[in-house]
Amino acid sequence: MLDSLPVLQAKKSFLQATNNYMSGRMEAARADIKEAEAYLVKAGKTGDAKTRAEVDKLLKDTETIENKMDKLDHETGQELRNLYERSKAFTLGTASRQALPKE
């Protein structure tokens, strides 16, 4: 069973990264992204195959966005926001899978 705490913490870190980035606090946003990555790695180690696949996608996209964070621009801010939204949906899906009885 997946420990949902790392997934929830990653979601929170993505939201903080988005807010910090859009406020021009680049170093804080980078730190938040690194934190989210660490939580995702932990979630990937404790999850099922579906969880690991989604974690891998989120980590790949996080790395892509991280490479664009040198300057403040709307597009990168939107990509960060989308990453947060995806992590939020992932959190909800993870919670739903945990709530379902095993067959």
Foldseek 3Di string as FASTA:
>chain_A
DFDLVLLVLLLVLLVQLLVCLQVVNLVSNLVSLVSSLVSLVVRLVRDDPVSVVLSVVLNVLSVVLSVVSPDRDPVSSVSSVVSSVSSVVVSVVVVVVVPDDDD
